[in-house]
C-alpha atoms as a PDB file:
ATOM      1  CA  MET A   1      29.861 192.686   6.231  1.00  0.00           C
ATOM      2  CA  ARG A   2      29.596 196.151   7.740  1.00  0.00           C
ATOM      3  CA  ARG A   3      29.311 194.731  11.268  1.00  0.00           C
ATOM      4  CA  ALA A   4      32.477 192.649  10.786  1.00  0.00           C
ATOM      5  CA  ASP A   5      34.325 195.726   9.522  1.00  0.00           C
ATOM      6  CA  ARG A   6      33.258 197.752  12.573  1.00  0.00           C
ATOM      7  CA  GLU A   7      34.361 194.986  14.943  1.00  0.00           C
ATOM      8  CA  GLY A   8      37.695 194.717  13.110  1.00  0.00           C
ATOM      9  CA  GLY A   9      38.211 198.477  13.488  1.00  0.00           C
ATOM     10  CA  GLN A  10      37.400 198.284  17.201  1.00  0.00           C
ATOM     11  CA  ALA A  11      39.868 195.449  17.640  1.00  0.00           C
ATOM     12  CA  SER A  12      42.564 197.508  15.909  1.00  0.00           C
ATOM     13  CA  LEU A  13      41.919 200.442  18.237  1.00  0.00           C
ATOM     14  CA  LEU A  14      42.029 198.133  21.239  1.00  0.00           C
ATOM     15  CA  LEU A  15      45.310 196.632  20.021  1.00  0.00           C
ATOM     16  CA  LEU A  16      46.832 200.109  19.489  1.00  0.00           C
ATOM     17  CA  GLY A  17      45.715 201.164  22.978  1.00  0.00           C
ATOM     18  CA  ALA A  18      47.268 198.037  24.522  1.00  0.00           C
ATOM     19  CA  MET A  19      50.544 198.660  22.662  1.00  0.00           C
ATOM     20  CA  PHE A  20      50.612 202.282  23.890  1.00  0.00           C
ATOM     21  CA  VAL A  21      50.108 201.124  27.493  1.00  0.00           C
ATOM     22  CA  LEU A  22      52.851 198.509  27.043  1.00  0.00           C
ATOM     23  CA  VAL A  23      55.325 201.074  25.664  1.00  0.00           C
ATOM     24  CA  ALA A  24      54.474 203.528  28.475  1.00  0.00           C
ATOM     25  CA  GLY A  25      55.064 200.728  31.015  1.00  0.00           C
ATOM     26  CA  VAL A  26      58.468 199.941  29.496  1.00  0.00           C
ATOM     27  CA  VAL A  27      59.454 203.628  29.693  1.00  0.00           C
ATOM     28  CA  VAL A  28      58.439 203.807  33.374  1.00  0.00           C
ATOM     29  CA  LEU A  29      60.307 200.571  34.165  1.00  0.00           C
ATOM     30  CA  PHE A  30      63.393 201.906  32.394  1.00  0.00           C
ATOM     31  CA  ALA A  31      63.284 205.070  34.540  1.00  0.00           C
ATOM     32  CA  PHE A  32      62.926 203.030  37.744  1.00  0.00           C
ATOM     33  CA  GLY A  33      65.749 200.738  36.625  1.00  0.00           C
ATOM     34  CA  SER A  34      68.039 203.716  36.058  1.00  0.00           C
ATOM     35  CA  ALA A  35      67.230 205.111  39.501  1.00  0.00           C
ATOM     36  CA  LEU A  36      67.790 201.735  41.179  1.00  0.00           C
ATOM     37  CA  GLY A  37      71.081 201.281  39.334  1.00  0.00           C
ATOM     38  CA  ALA A  38      72.297 204.660  40.586  1.00  0.00           C
ATOM     39  CA  LYS A  39      71.205 203.795  44.137  1.00  0.00           C
ATOM     40  CA  GLY A  40      73.133 200.515  43.923  1.00  0.00           C
ATOM     41  CA  LYS A  41      76.240 202.329  42.682  1.00  0.00           C
ATOM     42  CA  HIS A  42      76.107 204.800  45.579  1.00  0.00           C
ATOM     43  CA  GLN A  43      75.512 202.043  48.151  1.00  0.00           C
ATOM     44  CA  ARG A  44      78.427 200.008  46.823  1.00  0.00           C
ATOM     45  CA  ALA A  45      80.661 203.098  46.915  1.00  0.00           C
ATOM     46  CA  ALA A  46      79.614 203.848  50.523  1.00  0.00           C
ATOM     47  CA  ASP A  47      80.344 200.233  51.514  1.00  0.00           C
ATOM     48  CA  LEU A  48      83.786 200.311  49.917  1.00  0.00           C
ATOM     49  CA  ALA A  49      84.628 203.694  51.442  1.00  0.00           C
ATOM     50  CA  ALA A  50      83.731 202.394  54.920  1.00  0.00           C
ATOM     51  CA  VAL A  51      85.831 199.261  54.398  1.00  0.00           C
ATOM     52  CA  SER A  52      88.774 201.381  53.194  1.00  0.00           C
ATOM     53  CA  ALA A  53      88.608 203.475  56.361  1.00  0.00           C
ATOM     54  CA  ALA A  54      88.293 200.383  58.563  1.00  0.00           C
ATOM     55  CA  GLN A  55      91.375 198.784  56.980  1.00  0.00           C
ATOM     56  CA  VAL A  56      93.450 201.871  57.788  1.00  0.00           C
ATOM     57  CA  MET A  57      92.024 201.944  61.330  1.00  0.00           C
ATOM     58  CA  ARG A  58      92.892 198.275  61.875  1.00  0.00           C
ATOM     59  CA  ASP A  59      96.481 198.843  60.756  1.00  0.00           C
ATOM     60  CA  LEU A  60      96.941 201.985  62.879  1.00  0.00           C
ATOM     61  CA  TYR A  61      95.017 200.906  65.999  1.00  0.00           C
ATOM     62  CA  PRO A  62      97.993 199.477  67.974  1.00  0.00           C
ATOM     63  CA  ARG A  63      99.895 202.748  67.483  1.00  0.00           C
ATOM     64  CA  LEU A  64      97.311 204.576  69.623  1.00  0.00           C
ATOM     65  CA  PHE A  65      98.598 202.607  72.615  1.00  0.00           C
ATOM     66  CA  GLU A  66     102.281 203.297  72.054  1.00  0.00           C
ATOM     67  CA  ALA A  67     103.888 205.576  74.630  1.00  0.00           C
ATOM     68  CA  PRO A  68     104.290 209.153  73.351  1.00  0.00           C
ATOM     69  CA  LEU A  69     107.853 209.280  74.642  1.00  0.00           C
ATOM     70  CA  LEU A  70     110.683 206.769  74.558  1.00  0.00           C
ATOM     71  CA  ALA A  71     112.609 205.841  77.718  1.00  0.00           C
ATOM     72  CA  ASN A  72     115.277 208.406  76.819  1.00  0.00           C
ATOM     73  CA  GLY A  73     112.667 211.205  76.644  1.00  0.00           C
ATOM     74  CA  LEU A  74     112.585 211.540  72.854  1.00  0.00           C
ATOM     75  CA  PRO A  75     109.283 211.415  70.941  1.00  0.00           C
ATOM     76  CA  ASN A  76     108.210 207.902  69.998  1.00  0.00           C
ATOM     77  CA  PRO A  77     107.866 207.686  66.182  1.00  0.00           C
ATOM     78  CA  ARG A  78     105.472 204.722  66.565  1.00  0.00           C
ATOM     79  CA  HIS A  79     102.994 206.714  68.689  1.00  0.00           C
ATOM     80  CA  LEU A  80      99.927 208.022  66.857  1.00  0.00           C
ATOM     81  CA  ALA A  81      97.601 210.552  68.467  1.00  0.00           C
ATOM     82  CA  LEU A  82      93.836 210.234  68.062  1.00  0.00           C
ATOM     83  CA  PRO A  83      93.471 213.202  65.635  1.00  0.00           C
ATOM     84  CA  GLY A  84      96.020 211.621  63.277  1.00  0.00           C
ATOM     85  CA  TYR A  85      94.240 208.246  63.508  1.00  0.00           C
ATOM     86  CA  LEU A  86      90.877 209.815  62.622  1.00  0.00           C
ATOM     87  CA  ALA A  87      92.352 211.991  59.853  1.00  0.00           C
ATOM     88  CA  ARG A  88      93.971 209.023  58.138  1.00  0.00           C
ATOM     89  CA  ALA A  89      90.741 206.987  58.349  1.00  0.00           C
ATOM     90  CA  ARG A  90      88.737 209.898  56.879  1.00  0.00           C
ATOM     91  CA  ALA A  91      91.256 210.331  54.068  1.00  0.00           C
ATOM     92  CA  ALA A  92      90.995 206.608  53.248  1.00  0.00           C
ATOM     93  CA  ALA A  93      87.186 206.825  53.117  1.00  0.00           C
ATOM     94  CA  MET A  94      87.339 209.868  50.848  1.00  0.00           C
ATOM     95  CA  ARG A  95      89.823 208.130  48.514  1.00  0.00           C
ATOM     96  CA  GLY A  96      87.636 205.005  48.482  1.00  0.00           C
ATOM     97  CA  GLY A  97      84.590 207.022  47.476  1.00  0.00           C
ATOM     98  CA  ARG A  98      86.502 208.887  44.766  1.00  0.00           C
ATOM     99  CA  ARG A  99      87.858 205.617  43.305  1.00  0.00           C
ATOM    100  CA  ASN A 100      84.268 204.384  43.051  1.00  0.00           C
ATOM    101  CA  GLY A 101      82.824 207.466  41.398  1.00  0.00           C
ATOM    102  CA  VAL A 102      81.178 209.291  44.318  1.00  0.00           C
ATOM    103  CA  THR A 103      82.195 212.228  46.467  1.00  0.00           C
ATOM    104  CA  VAL A 104      82.701 211.595  50.168  1.00  0.00           C
ATOM    105  CA  ARG A 105      83.133 214.843  52.077  1.00  0.00           C
ATOM    106  CA  PHE A 106      84.839 215.375  55.429  1.00  0.00           C
ATOM    107  CA  PRO A 107      81.562 215.544  57.457  1.00  0.00           C
ATOM    108  CA  ASP A 108      80.244 212.414  55.695  1.00  0.00           C
ATOM    109  CA  VAL A 109      82.665 210.241  57.708  1.00  0.00           C
ATOM    110  CA  SER A 110      81.861 209.734  61.388  1.00  0.00           C
ATOM    111  CA  PHE A 111      83.087 207.513  64.185  1.00  0.00           C
ATOM    112  CA  PRO A 112      80.105 206.322  66.261  1.00  0.00           C
ATOM    113  CA  GLY A 113      80.648 205.218  69.816  1.00  0.00           C
ATOM    114  CA  GLY A 114      82.743 208.160  70.985  1.00  0.00           C
ATOM    115  CA  SER A 115      85.481 206.174  72.696  1.00  0.00           C
ATOM    116  CA  PHE A 116      89.144 207.035  73.195  1.00  0.00           C
ATOM    117  CA  ALA A 117      90.082 204.663  70.374  1.00  0.00           C
ATOM    118  CA  PRO A 118      87.158 204.358  67.926  1.00  0.00           C
ATOM    119  CA  ILE A 119      86.692 200.996  66.244  1.00  0.00           C
ATOM    120  CA  LYS A 120      83.596 201.924  64.171  1.00  0.00           C
ATOM    121  CA  VAL A 121      83.351 204.124  61.112  1.00  0.00           C
ATOM    122  CA  ALA A 122      80.227 205.261  59.238  1.00  0.00           C
ATOM    123  CA  VAL A 123      80.154 206.794  55.761  1.00  0.00           C
ATOM    124  CA  ALA A 124      77.209 208.657  54.248  1.00  0.00           C
ATOM    125  CA  VAL A 125      77.019 209.312  50.512  1.00  0.00           C
ATOM    126  CA  ARG A 126      74.657 211.703  48.753  1.00  0.00           C
ATOM    127  CA  GLY A 127      73.985 212.220  45.096  1.00  0.00           C
ATOM    128  CA  GLU A 128      71.272 212.489  42.531  1.00  0.00           C
ATOM    129  CA  VAL A 129      70.351 210.868  39.283  1.00  0.00           C
ATOM    130  CA  ARG A 130      68.483 212.566  36.485  1.00  0.00           C
ATOM    131  CA  VAL A 131      66.009 210.318  34.749  1.00  0.00           C
ATOM    132  CA  LYS A 132      64.725 211.234  31.310  1.00  0.00           C
ATOM    133  CA  THR A 133      61.801 209.448  29.781  1.00  0.00           C
ATOM    134  CA  ARG A 134      61.892 208.453  26.117  1.00  0.00           C
ATOM    135  CA  LEU A 135      59.328 211.152  25.398  1.00  0.00           C
ATOM    136  CA  GLU A 136      61.634 213.828  26.889  1.00  0.00           C
ATOM    137  CA  GLU A 137      64.541 212.465  24.860  1.00  0.00           C
ATOM    138  CA  ARG A 138      62.536 212.697  21.638  1.00  0.00           C
ATOM    139  CA  ARG A 139      61.388 216.229  22.376  1.00  0.00           C
ATOM    140  CA  GLY A 140      64.919 217.286  23.254  1.00  0.00           C
ATOM    141  CA  GLY A 141      63.732 218.443  26.682  1.00  0.00           C
ATOM    142  CA  GLY A 142      65.872 219.208  29.734  1.00  0.00           C
ATOM    143  CA  ALA A 143      68.068 216.846  31.690  1.00  0.00           C
ATOM    144  CA  GLY A 144      65.152 215.062  33.334  1.00  0.00           C
ATOM    145  CA  ALA A 145      63.815 215.117  36.859  1.00  0.00           C
ATOM    146  CA  PRO A 146      66.447 214.874  39.621  1.00  0.00           C
ATOM    147  CA  ILE A 147      66.009 212.001  42.065  1.00  0.00           C
ATOM    148  CA  PRO A 148      68.029 212.332  45.305  1.00  0.00           C
ATOM    149  CA  ILE A 149      70.066 209.312  46.366  1.00  0.00           C
ATOM    150  CA  ARG A 150      71.367 208.606  49.845  1.00  0.00           C
ATOM    151  CA  ALA A 151      73.423 205.648  50.969  1.00  0.00           C
ATOM    152  CA  ARG A 152      75.020 204.847  54.313  1.00  0.00           C
ATOM    153  CA  ALA A 153      77.479 202.160  55.329  1.00  0.00           C
ATOM    154  CA  ALA A 154      79.304 201.260  58.521  1.00  0.00           C
ATOM    155  CA  ALA A 155      82.299 199.082  59.271  1.00  0.00           C
ATOM    156  CA  GLU A 156      83.859 197.956  62.525  1.00  0.00           C
ATOM    157  CA  ILE A 157      87.290 196.603  63.269  1.00  0.00           C
ATOM    158  CA  SER A 158      88.020 193.842  65.718  1.00  0.00           C
ATOM    159  CA  PRO A 159      91.416 194.775  67.088  1.00  0.00           C
ATOM    160  CA  ASP A 160      93.658 192.179  68.668  1.00  0.00           C
ATOM    161  CA  LEU A 161      94.161 193.944  71.972  1.00  0.00           C
ATOM    162  CA  GLY A 162      96.477 191.253  73.272  1.00  0.00           C
ATOM    163  CA  ALA A 163      98.906 191.846  70.427  1.00  0.00           C
ATOM    164  CA  ALA A 164      98.468 195.624  70.731  1.00  0.00           C
ATOM    165  CA  LEU A 165      99.423 195.462  74.388  1.00  0.00           C
ATOM    166  CA  GLY A 166     102.231 192.933  73.891  1.00  0.00           C
ATOM    167  CA  MET A 167     100.334 189.911  75.262  1.00  0.00           C
ATOM    168  CA  PRO A 168     100.440 186.571  73.424  1.00  0.00           C
ATOM    169  CA  ALA A 169      97.252 185.185  71.918  1.00  0.00           C
ATOM    170  CA  PHE A 170      98.226 181.520  72.394  1.00  0.00           C
ATOM    171  CA  GLY A 171      99.727 179.686  75.324  1.00  0.00           C
ATOM    172  CA  SER A 172     101.899 176.586  75.297  1.00  0.00           C
ATOM    173  CA  GLY A 173     103.520 174.427  77.915  1.00  0.00           C
ATOM    174  CA  GLY A 174     102.404 173.732  81.464  1.00  0.00           C
ATOM    175  CA  GLY A 175      99.704 171.303  80.303  1.00  0.00           C
ATOM    176  CA  TYR A 176      97.840 173.728  78.048  1.00  0.00           C
ATOM    177  CA  ASP A 177      98.339 174.507  74.400  1.00  0.00           C
ATOM    178  CA  GLY A 178      95.776 176.832  72.829  1.00  0.00           C
ATOM    179  CA  PRO A 179      94.179 180.296  72.762  1.00  0.00           C
ATOM    180  CA  LEU A 180      94.422 182.538  75.810  1.00  0.00           C
ATOM    181  CA  ALA A 181      91.849 184.862  77.303  1.00  0.00           C
ATOM    182  CA  TYR A 182      92.921 187.732  79.495  1.00  0.00           C
ATOM    183  CA  ARG A 183      91.336 188.681  82.759  1.00  0.00           C
ATOM    184  CA  MET A 184      92.678 191.793  84.463  1.00  0.00           C
ATOM    185  CA  GLY A 185      95.760 191.727  82.222  1.00  0.00           C
ATOM    186  CA  LYS A 186      96.760 188.125  83.048  1.00  0.00           C
ATOM    187  CA  PRO A 187      96.338 185.069  80.806  1.00  0.00           C
ATOM    188  CA  SER A 188      93.458 182.868  81.801  1.00  0.00           C
ATOM    189  CA  SER A 189      93.705 179.565  79.900  1.00  0.00           C
ATOM    190  CA  HIS A 190      91.052 177.791  82.005  1.00  0.00           C
ATOM    191  CA  LEU A 191      88.334 179.735  80.177  1.00  0.00           C
ATOM    192  CA  PHE A 192      89.046 177.675  77.062  1.00  0.00           C
ATOM    193  CA  SER A 193      89.848 174.367  78.743  1.00  0.00           C
ATOM    194  CA  ALA A 194      86.158 173.716  79.413  1.00  0.00           C
ATOM    195  CA  LEU A 195      85.316 174.068  75.703  1.00  0.00           C
END
């Protein structure tokens, strides 16, 4: 009888130890899940901020190619200078980040490629999440350990240069009816006729 009692006591200790390990594992998984959820939130916000900036860029892109002056010498209200184009795209990215719960600062928005009329925008987002374990919550400890979060997103527009420069995208008549390609500023329908 005594041997069975000792084995039963050992089994109880083993069961308690296994339950402690299981609870500790759940706490660690909860902390990782919280950190991953915060990372996902920041990545989604960076993506949406980049798309917001790209939408503004797409709408404003043709205005970069408008003449600064009208034929009568007056300023062209349709013309948009590069600094205004970039400022409006940055403002759209910052609004997009704010609407999605993250802060996008002025230097966090860049325009890779360095061309006269940028078509790419990149947004970087930084933040941190504080993860408290259940043990810290029970003890009433601090706010938890800070975990830095970084997310980056890029978007690119595909401007319709033909429309921006006043050239039609489709041709009709003369034996061809379909999309046009431009070579040296002139329509070149034979590029598509072989397709």
